[in-house]
Amino acid sequence: MTTHLRTLAHLTLGLLTTAALVATATPAPALAPPLAADGPGVGAPWVVTLGDSYISGEAGRWAGASNRDYRRADALGASAYHDNPGGTGELIPRCHRASSAEAYIGGGVNGLNLACSGAKTATSAGSNFKPGIDFWSGSAGKGQALMLQEAAATRNVRMVVVSIGGNDFGFASVVQTCVVNFLTSPSWWKNYCHDDSSVAAAFTPANVAAVRARVAQALGNVATAMSNAGYRADQWTLVVQTYPSPVPNGSGFRYSESGYTRQSTGGCGLWNRDADWANATVLPTINGALLGAASDVGLPNVRTLDMTHAFDGKRLCEQGVGLYEEVGLADWRTPGAVDRTEWVNQIRTVSTIGDSPYYVQESLHPSYWGQLAMRNCLRQVWNSGAPRSGSCTVGDLGTARLTPTGEPAMHLTPCPSLTRRLQTSSPQPR
């Protein structure tokens, strides 16, 4: 979710088929100037994504993992995050807007990815510029809400998808603490992270309420941007997207807690009890704040995309999937790779030293298969222009298959209780 973790090595940790069906991501199209007449309600539809690394496409270069030869998993190559018009670099350094990101659902729908890895609800305008979902404007760049407002004025933006809040909770620091505790304590005297005071402080009722309010403000900024661009509420839909579980519960890891194999081989250095706590407490708390904010903002055109269980069965170090050398597959192009390899990138430490192709910030993010899976979910939410809410899970779990567009086939199921809550809610006083 962010780019700012330190490891013991003074590195940072990033967060937390036949040939016709080879899953090559649809490239992010070069943004040709829209037609002058395009705008609110006029022209081909657009989907715009806003938020942080879990929607920007972070780690979307890698399809599974291999500790022997990175090329076995390198689906997009060194230009994976190049999003400038010429395809030669990034518009904002380290936003990592991958061409495999979910924004590009295709089928006559244009995609615009304004999300940025490491972003919080508010813009960080220091030396490491990260645009929040606000109206910041300065020499370093613009906030995502302002970028949306400007883009929507000359595009027919029909759906805006937002995933934000993880970095506001300081999830990077949580992951750092958990991994360091794993690496520095023996299996017979485990030092857990879930009871550390610095970790607990992120999830106090007061902090949860504060983050929820900031997310609601960000969502309100999206609505303001669209109104300023000339849209009525019935001309577009706001989709609030939650975060997926990246690791299994402790009993679901394929590597033992003994020794360092869990991190040195699998890249998932967490104690079982901390993994259980992450799934039982951290993820529901963060996602609950997002869904609460979606209710608080009080807009009539809000839908939700719940990704909580989207990767279940394909998570990092989960039983049933593995590294290419563990499952006996040549590389990511091999038939069956989508089913037998992980959809979440390893937590990387020393493997990023020197001229390594890996970025630390790619750690614990949806990789190539995960990005395309989320795209498949979002296309179903789009629903041919009549957006709907839903929860997304792996289709045909255990034998995941690719669609004709090269994406994992996912299942979107309704969330009737949540939909009713959003439709009948009113904003909380702020």
Protein backbone atom coordinates (compact mmCIF):
# COMPACT_ATOMS: atom_id res chain seq x y z
CA MET A 1 0.00 0.00 0.00
CA THR A 2 2.95 2.33 0.31
CA THR A 3 6.59 2.69 -0.45
CA HIS A 4 8.13 3.52 2.89
CA LEU A 5 9.17 0.40 4.88
CA ARG A 6 12.63 -0.31 6.29
CA THR A 7 14.09 -3.79 6.70
CA LEU A 8 16.98 -5.01 8.78
CA ALA A 9 19.23 -4.51 5.77
CA HIS A 10 18.22 -0.82 5.67
CA LEU A 11 16.01 -1.54 2.70
CA THR A 12 12.36 -0.76 2.49
CA LEU A 13 9.54 -3.25 2.22
CA GLY A 14 6.70 -2.51 -0.14
CA LEU A 15 3.28 -3.37 0.89
CA LEU A 16 1.58 -4.66 2.23
CA THR A 17 -4.15 -21.67 -22.35
CA THR A 18 -3.24 -22.03 -25.60
CA ALA A 19 -1.34 -19.22 -27.22
CA ALA A 20 -4.66 -17.50 -27.82
CA LEU A 21 -5.28 -17.37 -24.10
CA VAL A 22 -1.86 -16.18 -22.95
CA ALA A 23 -2.76 -13.51 -20.41
CA THR A 24 -1.08 -10.47 -21.82
CA ALA A 25 -2.45 -7.34 -20.21
CA THR A 26 -4.26 -4.87 -22.37
CA PRO A 27 -1.73 -2.05 -22.70
CA ALA A 28 -2.66 1.27 -21.16
CA PRO A 29 -3.68 3.22 -24.24
CA ALA A 30 -1.85 6.39 -25.12
CA LEU A 31 -4.21 9.21 -24.20
CA ALA A 32 -4.98 10.92 -27.46
CA PRO A 33 -6.68 14.28 -26.96
CA PRO A 34 -10.43 13.70 -26.54
CA LEU A 35 -12.79 15.13 -29.11
CA ALA A 36 -13.67 18.73 -28.41
CA ALA A 37 -17.35 17.87 -28.13
CA ASP A 38 -16.81 15.16 -25.52
CA GLY A 39 -17.77 15.92 -21.94
CA PRO A 40 -20.51 15.17 -19.38
CA GLY A 41 -22.90 12.73 -21.02
CA VAL A 42 -21.33 13.09 -24.47
CA GLY A 43 -18.91 10.73 -26.21
CA ALA A 44 -17.52 7.28 -25.50
CA PRO A 45 -17.68 6.28 -21.82
CA TRP A 46 -14.68 6.48 -19.52
CA VAL A 47 -13.80 4.72 -16.27
CA VAL A 48 -11.37 6.59 -13.98
CA THR A 49 -9.53 5.01 -11.06
CA LEU A 50 -8.27 6.99 -8.06
CA GLY A 51 -6.42 6.01 -4.91
CA ASP A 52 -3.28 4.20 -3.85
CA SER A 53 -1.13 1.25 -4.86
CA TYR A 54 -3.88 -1.34 -4.61
CA ILE A 55 -5.62 0.21 -7.60
CA SER A 56 -2.72 1.93 -9.40
CA GLY A 57 -1.30 -1.36 -10.68
CA GLU A 58 1.62 -1.74 -8.27
CA ALA A 59 3.36 -5.14 -8.79
CA GLY A 60 1.42 -5.64 -12.02
CA ARG A 61 4.66 -6.51 -13.83
CA TRP A 62 5.01 -9.92 -12.17
CA ALA A 63 2.91 -13.00 -12.93
CA GLY A 64 3.71 -15.24 -10.00
CA ALA A 65 7.27 -15.59 -8.73
CA SER A 66 10.51 -17.49 -9.11
CA ASN A 67 13.57 -17.28 -6.88
CA ARG A 68 15.76 -18.76 -9.63
CA ASP A 69 15.08 -16.60 -12.68
CA TYR A 70 12.97 -13.45 -12.58
CA ARG A 71 12.24 -13.79 -16.30
CA ARG A 72 9.95 -16.72 -15.58
CA ALA A 73 7.47 -14.29 -14.00
CA ASP A 74 8.20 -11.10 -15.94
CA ALA A 75 4.95 -10.51 -17.81
CA LEU A 76 5.32 -6.83 -18.69
CA GLY A 77 9.03 -6.08 -18.61
CA ALA A 78 10.92 -2.99 -17.52
CA SER A 79 8.39 -0.58 -19.05
CA ALA A 80 5.49 -1.97 -16.98
CA TYR A 81 4.89 1.33 -15.19
CA HIS A 82 5.54 3.75 -18.03
CA ASP A 83 2.42 5.87 -18.36
CA ASN A 84 3.58 9.03 -20.09
CA PRO A 85 2.30 9.69 -23.63
CA GLY A 86 5.47 8.40 -25.24
CA GLY A 87 5.65 5.28 -23.10
CA THR A 88 9.16 6.20 -21.99
CA GLY A 89 8.64 6.79 -18.28
CA GLU A 90 6.26 7.72 -15.49
CA LEU A 91 4.23 10.90 -15.29
CA ILE A 92 4.79 10.90 -11.51
CA PRO A 93 7.81 8.92 -10.28
CA ARG A 94 6.94 5.70 -8.47
CA CYS A 95 3.17 5.97 -8.87
CA HIS A 96 3.55 2.64 -10.68
CA ARG A 97 0.46 2.80 -12.86
CA ALA A 98 0.81 -0.55 -14.61
CA SER A 99 -0.67 -1.36 -17.98
CA SER A 100 -2.25 -4.39 -16.29
CA ALA A 101 -4.22 -2.16 -13.88
CA GLU A 102 -7.96 -2.63 -13.58
CA ALA A 103 -8.92 0.71 -15.13
CA TYR A 104 -8.66 -0.65 -18.67
CA ILE A 105 -11.78 -2.79 -18.88
CA GLY A 106 -12.08 -2.30 -22.66
CA GLY A 107 -15.17 -3.26 -24.63
CA GLY A 108 -15.65 0.27 -25.94
CA VAL A 109 -14.94 1.80 -22.52
CA ASN A 110 -11.86 4.00 -22.12
CA GLY A 111 -9.75 3.87 -18.98
CA LEU A 112 -7.85 6.58 -17.12
CA ASN A 113 -5.66 5.64 -14.15
CA LEU A 114 -4.93 8.56 -11.81
CA ALA A 115 -4.09 6.45 -8.75
CA CYS A 116 -0.62 6.54 -7.24
CA SER A 117 1.31 4.04 -5.17
CA GLY A 118 1.91 5.45 -1.70
CA ALA A 119 -0.95 7.94 -1.84
CA LYS A 120 -3.00 8.94 1.19
CA THR A 121 -6.30 10.79 1.22
CA ALA A 122 -4.39 14.10 1.30
CA THR A 123 -1.54 15.10 -0.99
CA SER A 124 2.02 14.73 0.27
CA ALA A 125 3.96 17.51 -1.42
CA GLY A 126 7.41 16.86 -0.02
CA SER A 127 10.42 15.56 -1.92
CA ASN A 128 8.48 12.36 -2.64
CA PHE A 129 5.32 13.83 -4.19
CA LYS A 130 2.21 11.70 -3.77
CA PRO A 131 -1.12 13.11 -4.98
CA GLY A 132 -4.03 12.59 -2.60
CA ILE A 133 -7.68 12.78 -3.49
CA ASP A 134 -7.87 16.53 -3.14
CA PHE A 135 -7.48 19.74 -5.13
CA TRP A 136 -3.79 20.36 -4.46
CA SER A 137 -2.00 22.32 -7.14
CA GLY A 138 1.67 23.15 -7.00
CA SER A 139 4.97 22.92 -8.80
CA ALA A 140 5.27 19.19 -8.02
CA GLY A 141 1.87 18.30 -9.46
CA LYS A 142 -1.85 18.18 -8.78
CA GLY A 143 -4.14 16.27 -6.47
CA GLN A 144 -6.16 13.40 -7.88
CA ALA A 145 -9.48 15.19 -7.42
CA LEU A 146 -8.22 18.15 -9.44
CA MET A 147 -6.84 15.82 -12.11
CA LEU A 148 -10.23 14.11 -12.25
CA GLN A 149 -12.05 17.43 -12.55
CA GLU A 150 -9.90 18.51 -15.47
CA ALA A 151 -10.14 15.16 -17.24
CA ALA A 152 -13.89 14.83 -16.76
CA ALA A 153 -14.58 18.19 -18.37
CA THR A 154 -13.56 16.83 -21.78
CA ARG A 155 -14.44 13.14 -21.33
CA ASN A 156 -17.68 11.32 -20.69
CA VAL A 157 -16.71 9.89 -17.30
CA ARG A 158 -19.37 7.41 -16.34
CA MET A 159 -17.72 5.64 -13.41
CA VAL A 160 -15.08 6.71 -10.87
CA VAL A 161 -13.51 3.93 -8.77
CA VAL A 162 -11.74 4.78 -5.51
CA SER A 163 -9.53 2.63 -3.27
CA ILE A 164 -7.88 4.69 -0.52
CA GLY A 165 -7.21 4.66 3.22
CA GLY A 166 -4.64 1.92 3.77
CA ASN A 167 -1.75 4.36 3.95
CA ASP A 168 -3.74 6.65 6.26
CA PHE A 169 -3.82 3.75 8.71
CA GLY A 170 -0.04 3.47 8.49
CA PHE A 171 -0.29 -0.09 7.24
CA ALA A 172 3.29 0.15 5.98
CA SER A 173 4.57 0.49 9.53
CA VAL A 174 2.38 -2.41 10.63
CA VAL A 175 3.86 -4.71 8.01
CA GLN A 176 7.38 -3.53 8.80
CA THR A 177 6.91 -4.35 12.46
CA CYS A 178 5.42 -7.76 11.72
CA VAL A 179 8.21 -8.82 9.36
CA VAL A 180 11.02 -7.51 11.55
CA ASN A 181 9.53 -9.29 14.57
CA PHE A 182 9.42 -12.51 12.57
CA LEU A 183 13.03 -12.19 11.44
CA THR A 184 14.38 -11.29 14.88
CA SER A 185 12.65 -13.79 17.14
CA PRO A 186 12.93 -17.61 17.25
CA SER A 187 9.99 -19.95 16.73
CA TRP A 188 10.27 -21.05 20.38
CA TRP A 189 9.95 -17.42 21.63
CA LYS A 190 7.88 -15.61 19.06
CA ASN A 191 7.70 -11.84 19.15
CA TYR A 192 4.31 -10.96 17.70
CA CYS A 193 3.46 -7.60 16.17
CA HIS A 194 -0.24 -7.48 16.87
CA ASP A 195 0.36 -6.65 20.54
CA ASP A 196 3.00 -3.96 19.93
CA SER A 197 1.87 -0.56 21.15
CA SER A 198 2.88 1.16 17.91
CA VAL A 199 0.73 -1.26 15.93
CA ALA A 200 -2.24 -1.12 18.27
CA ALA A 201 -2.26 2.68 18.05
CA ALA A 202 -3.22 2.50 14.37
CA PHE A 203 -6.47 0.71 15.16
CA THR A 204 -7.83 2.54 18.17
CA PRO A 205 -11.44 3.70 17.85
CA ALA A 206 -10.27 7.30 17.65
CA ASN A 207 -7.87 6.65 14.77
CA VAL A 208 -10.38 4.50 12.91
CA ALA A 209 -12.94 7.32 13.17
CA ALA A 210 -10.36 9.86 11.99
CA VAL A 211 -9.39 7.83 8.95
CA ARG A 212 -13.03 7.15 8.13
CA ALA A 213 -13.69 10.90 8.18
CA ARG A 214 -10.71 11.56 5.90
CA VAL A 215 -11.89 8.93 3.43
CA ALA A 216 -15.38 10.43 3.46
CA GLN A 217 -13.81 13.83 2.73
CA ALA A 218 -11.87 12.31 -0.18
CA LEU A 219 -15.06 10.80 -1.58
CA GLY A 220 -16.75 14.18 -1.18
CA ASN A 221 -13.89 15.71 -3.14
CA VAL A 222 -14.59 13.28 -5.96
CA ALA A 223 -18.23 14.38 -6.02
CA THR A 224 -17.18 18.04 -5.98
CA ALA A 225 -14.76 17.47 -8.85
CA MET A 226 -17.46 15.87 -10.95
CA SER A 227 -19.94 18.64 -10.13
CA ASN A 228 -17.36 21.28 -11.02
CA ALA A 229 -16.80 19.48 -14.33
CA GLY A 230 -20.49 19.82 -15.13
CA TYR A 231 -21.96 16.46 -14.07
CA ARG A 232 -25.27 15.69 -12.41
CA ALA A 233 -25.30 12.83 -9.93
CA ASP A 234 -27.32 10.67 -12.33
CA GLN A 235 -24.65 10.96 -15.02
CA TRP A 236 -21.91 9.05 -13.20
CA THR A 237 -21.34 6.44 -10.49
CA LEU A 238 -18.86 6.40 -7.61
CA VAL A 239 -17.52 2.92 -6.80
CA VAL A 240 -15.77 2.45 -3.46
CA GLN A 241 -13.40 -0.53 -3.64
CA THR A 242 -12.11 -2.39 -0.58
CA TYR A 243 -8.77 -4.14 -0.12
CA PRO A 244 -8.15 -7.88 -0.66
CA SER A 245 -6.59 -10.24 1.84
CA PRO A 246 -2.97 -10.74 0.65
CA VAL A 247 -1.98 -13.66 2.91
CA PRO A 248 -3.83 -16.71 4.27
CA ASN A 249 -4.52 -17.44 7.90
CA GLY A 250 -1.63 -19.08 9.70
CA SER A 251 -2.88 -22.60 9.09
CA GLY A 252 -2.96 -21.93 5.35
CA PHE A 253 0.76 -21.18 4.85
CA ARG A 254 2.74 -23.76 2.89
CA TYR A 255 5.98 -22.95 4.73
CA SER A 256 6.69 -23.82 8.36
CA GLU A 257 7.11 -21.21 11.07
CA SER A 258 10.43 -22.85 11.97
CA GLY A 259 13.55 -21.31 10.49
CA TYR A 260 13.52 -18.54 7.91
CA THR A 261 12.10 -20.37 4.87
CA ARG A 262 8.82 -18.50 5.17
CA GLN A 263 10.67 -15.28 4.29
CA SER A 264 13.84 -16.44 2.49
CA THR A 265 11.92 -18.68 0.07
CA GLY A 266 8.31 -17.54 0.17
CA GLY A 267 8.71 -13.84 0.94
CA CYS A 268 5.98 -14.00 3.58
CA GLY A 269 7.75 -13.53 6.92
CA LEU A 270 4.82 -13.44 9.34
CA TRP A 271 4.01 -15.52 12.38
CA ASN A 272 0.77 -17.51 12.19
CA ARG A 273 -0.95 -15.53 14.92
CA ASP A 274 -0.07 -12.24 13.25
CA ALA A 275 -1.45 -13.48 9.94
CA ASP A 276 -4.64 -14.54 11.71
CA TRP A 277 -4.88 -11.12 13.33
CA ALA A 278 -4.33 -9.36 9.99
CA ASN A 279 -7.28 -11.19 8.43
CA ALA A 280 -9.54 -11.07 11.48
CA THR A 281 -8.86 -7.52 12.65
CA VAL A 282 -6.74 -5.34 10.36
CA LEU A 283 -8.46 -6.01 7.05
CA PRO A 284 -12.04 -5.78 8.40
CA THR A 285 -11.16 -2.58 10.25
CA ILE A 286 -9.67 -0.88 7.19
CA ASN A 287 -12.41 -2.07 4.87
CA GLY A 288 -15.05 -1.18 7.43
CA ALA A 289 -13.76 2.39 7.51
CA LEU A 290 -13.98 2.58 3.71
CA LEU A 291 -17.52 1.23 3.61
CA GLY A 292 -18.51 3.46 6.50
CA ALA A 293 -17.16 6.45 4.62
CA ALA A 294 -19.10 5.40 1.53
CA SER A 295 -22.23 5.53 3.68
CA ASP A 296 -21.27 8.76 5.44
CA VAL A 297 -20.75 10.72 2.23
CA GLY A 298 -24.48 10.40 1.56
CA LEU A 299 -24.38 10.32 -2.24
CA PRO A 300 -27.18 8.63 -4.20
CA ASN A 301 -24.85 7.25 -6.88
CA VAL A 302 -22.48 5.14 -4.71
CA ARG A 303 -21.74 1.48 -5.37
CA THR A 304 -19.20 -0.79 -3.67
CA LEU A 305 -16.80 -3.44 -4.91
CA ASP A 306 -15.77 -5.72 -2.05
CA MET A 307 -12.40 -7.35 -2.81
CA THR A 308 -11.88 -8.90 0.65
CA HIS A 309 -11.88 -12.50 -0.60
CA ALA A 310 -10.91 -11.87 -4.22
CA PHE A 311 -7.59 -13.72 -3.93
CA ASP A 312 -8.54 -16.49 -1.50
CA GLY A 313 -6.79 -19.64 -2.65
CA LYS A 314 -4.17 -17.64 -4.60
CA ARG A 315 -2.61 -15.56 -1.84
CA LEU A 316 1.05 -15.19 -1.00
CA CYS A 317 2.51 -18.44 0.41
CA GLU A 318 -0.91 -20.09 0.44
CA GLN A 319 -1.18 -23.85 0.13
CA GLY A 320 -2.21 -25.04 -3.33
CA VAL A 321 -0.08 -22.53 -5.25
CA GLY A 322 3.66 -21.95 -5.40
CA LEU A 323 6.77 -20.60 -7.07
CA TYR A 324 7.37 -21.74 -10.65
CA GLU A 325 10.11 -24.11 -9.53
CA GLU A 326 7.80 -25.53 -6.84
CA VAL A 327 4.87 -26.27 -9.15
CA GLY A 328 6.97 -27.48 -12.09
CA LEU A 329 5.99 -24.83 -14.64
CA ALA A 330 8.40 -23.19 -17.08
CA ASP A 331 7.10 -19.62 -16.85
CA TRP A 332 4.03 -17.40 -16.78
CA ARG A 333 3.08 -18.30 -20.35
CA THR A 334 2.73 -21.99 -19.51
CA PRO A 335 -0.88 -23.23 -19.59
CA GLY A 336 -2.18 -23.46 -16.04
CA ALA A 337 0.14 -20.80 -14.61
CA VAL A 338 -2.76 -18.60 -13.54
CA ASP A 339 -4.15 -21.43 -11.42
CA ARG A 340 -0.96 -22.76 -9.86
CA THR A 341 0.96 -19.59 -9.00
CA GLU A 342 0.32 -16.78 -6.51
CA TRP A 343 -1.59 -13.61 -7.31
CA VAL A 344 0.18 -11.54 -4.64
CA ASN A 345 3.79 -10.40 -4.88
CA GLN A 346 6.45 -11.44 -2.38
CA ILE A 347 7.66 -9.21 0.44
CA ARG A 348 11.14 -8.44 -0.86
CA THR A 349 14.27 -7.46 1.06
CA VAL A 350 17.79 -8.27 -0.18
CA SER A 351 16.49 -9.35 -3.60
CA THR A 352 16.17 -5.67 -4.50
CA ILE A 353 19.89 -4.91 -4.08
CA GLY A 354 22.01 -3.68 -6.99
CA ASP A 355 20.61 -3.92 -10.51
CA SER A 356 17.69 -6.10 -9.43
CA PRO A 357 14.54 -5.68 -11.55
CA TYR A 358 12.40 -5.71 -8.40
CA TYR A 359 11.09 -2.68 -6.55
CA VAL A 360 10.67 -2.97 -2.81
CA GLN A 361 7.36 -1.12 -3.07
CA GLU A 362 5.91 -3.95 -5.16
CA SER A 363 5.86 -6.17 -2.07
CA LEU A 364 2.55 -7.62 -0.88
CA HIS A 365 0.56 -6.18 -3.78
CA PRO A 366 -1.65 -7.84 -6.38
CA SER A 367 0.66 -9.08 -9.12
CA TYR A 368 -0.15 -9.49 -12.80
CA TRP A 369 -2.81 -12.19 -12.29
CA GLY A 370 -4.26 -10.25 -9.36
CA GLN A 371 -4.46 -7.03 -11.35
CA LEU A 372 -6.25 -8.76 -14.21
CA ALA A 373 -8.57 -10.49 -11.76
CA MET A 374 -9.56 -7.12 -10.31
CA ARG A 375 -10.12 -5.83 -13.83
CA ASN A 376 -12.49 -8.72 -14.47
CA CYS A 377 -14.34 -7.85 -11.26
CA LEU A 378 -14.58 -4.18 -12.24
CA ARG A 379 -15.92 -5.01 -15.69
CA GLN A 380 -18.74 -6.93 -14.00
CA VAL A 381 -19.43 -3.95 -11.73
CA TRP A 382 -19.58 -1.74 -14.84
CA ASN A 383 -22.34 -4.05 -16.00
CA SER A 384 -22.65 -2.60 -19.52
CA GLY A 385 -23.08 0.90 -18.17
CA ALA A 386 -25.48 0.14 -15.31
CA PRO A 387 -23.00 -0.12 -12.40
CA ARG A 388 -23.85 -2.47 -9.56
CA SER A 389 -22.35 -3.41 -6.20
CA GLY A 390 -20.90 -6.80 -5.45
CA SER A 391 -18.33 -9.01 -3.76
CA CYS A 392 -15.72 -10.61 -6.00
CA THR A 393 -14.16 -14.05 -5.61
CA VAL A 394 -12.12 -16.43 -7.74
CA GLY A 395 -14.26 -18.28 -10.26
CA ASP A 396 -13.91 -22.08 -10.31
CA LEU A 397 -11.53 -21.98 -7.34
CA GLY A 398 -8.89 -24.68 -7.67
CA THR A 399 -9.06 -24.64 -11.45
CA ALA A 400 -8.92 -20.92 -12.18
CA ARG A 401 -9.35 -20.28 -15.89
CA LEU A 402 -8.72 -17.40 -18.21
CA THR A 403 -11.41 -15.56 -20.09
CA PRO A 404 -11.05 -14.87 -23.84
CA THR A 405 -9.61 -11.47 -22.84
CA GLY A 406 -6.82 -13.21 -20.88
CA GLU A 407 -8.12 -12.46 -17.37
CA PRO A 408 -8.91 -14.84 -14.52
CA ALA A 409 -12.63 -15.56 -14.58
CA MET A 410 -14.08 -14.05 -11.41
CA HIS A 411 -17.47 -14.25 -9.71
CA LEU A 412 -19.34 -11.11 -8.65
CA THR A 413 -22.12 -11.75 -6.15
CA PRO A 414 -24.61 -9.13 -4.92
CA CYS A 415 -24.30 -7.30 -1.61
CA PRO A 416 -27.99 -6.52 -1.00
CA SER A 417 -27.67 -5.49 2.66
CA LEU A 418 -24.84 -3.06 1.92
CA THR A 419 -26.64 -1.66 -1.11
CA ARG A 420 -29.73 -0.95 1.01
CA ARG A 421 -27.59 0.71 3.68
CA LEU A 422 -25.97 3.03 1.16
CA GLN A 423 -29.29 3.91 -0.42
CA THR A 424 -30.91 4.83 2.90
CA SER A 425 -27.94 6.43 4.63
CA SER A 426 -27.45 10.09 5.35
CA PRO A 427 -24.12 11.78 5.93
CA GLN A 428 -22.80 11.97 9.48
CA PRO A 429 -22.05 15.45 10.80
CA ARG A 430 -18.44 16.42 10.15
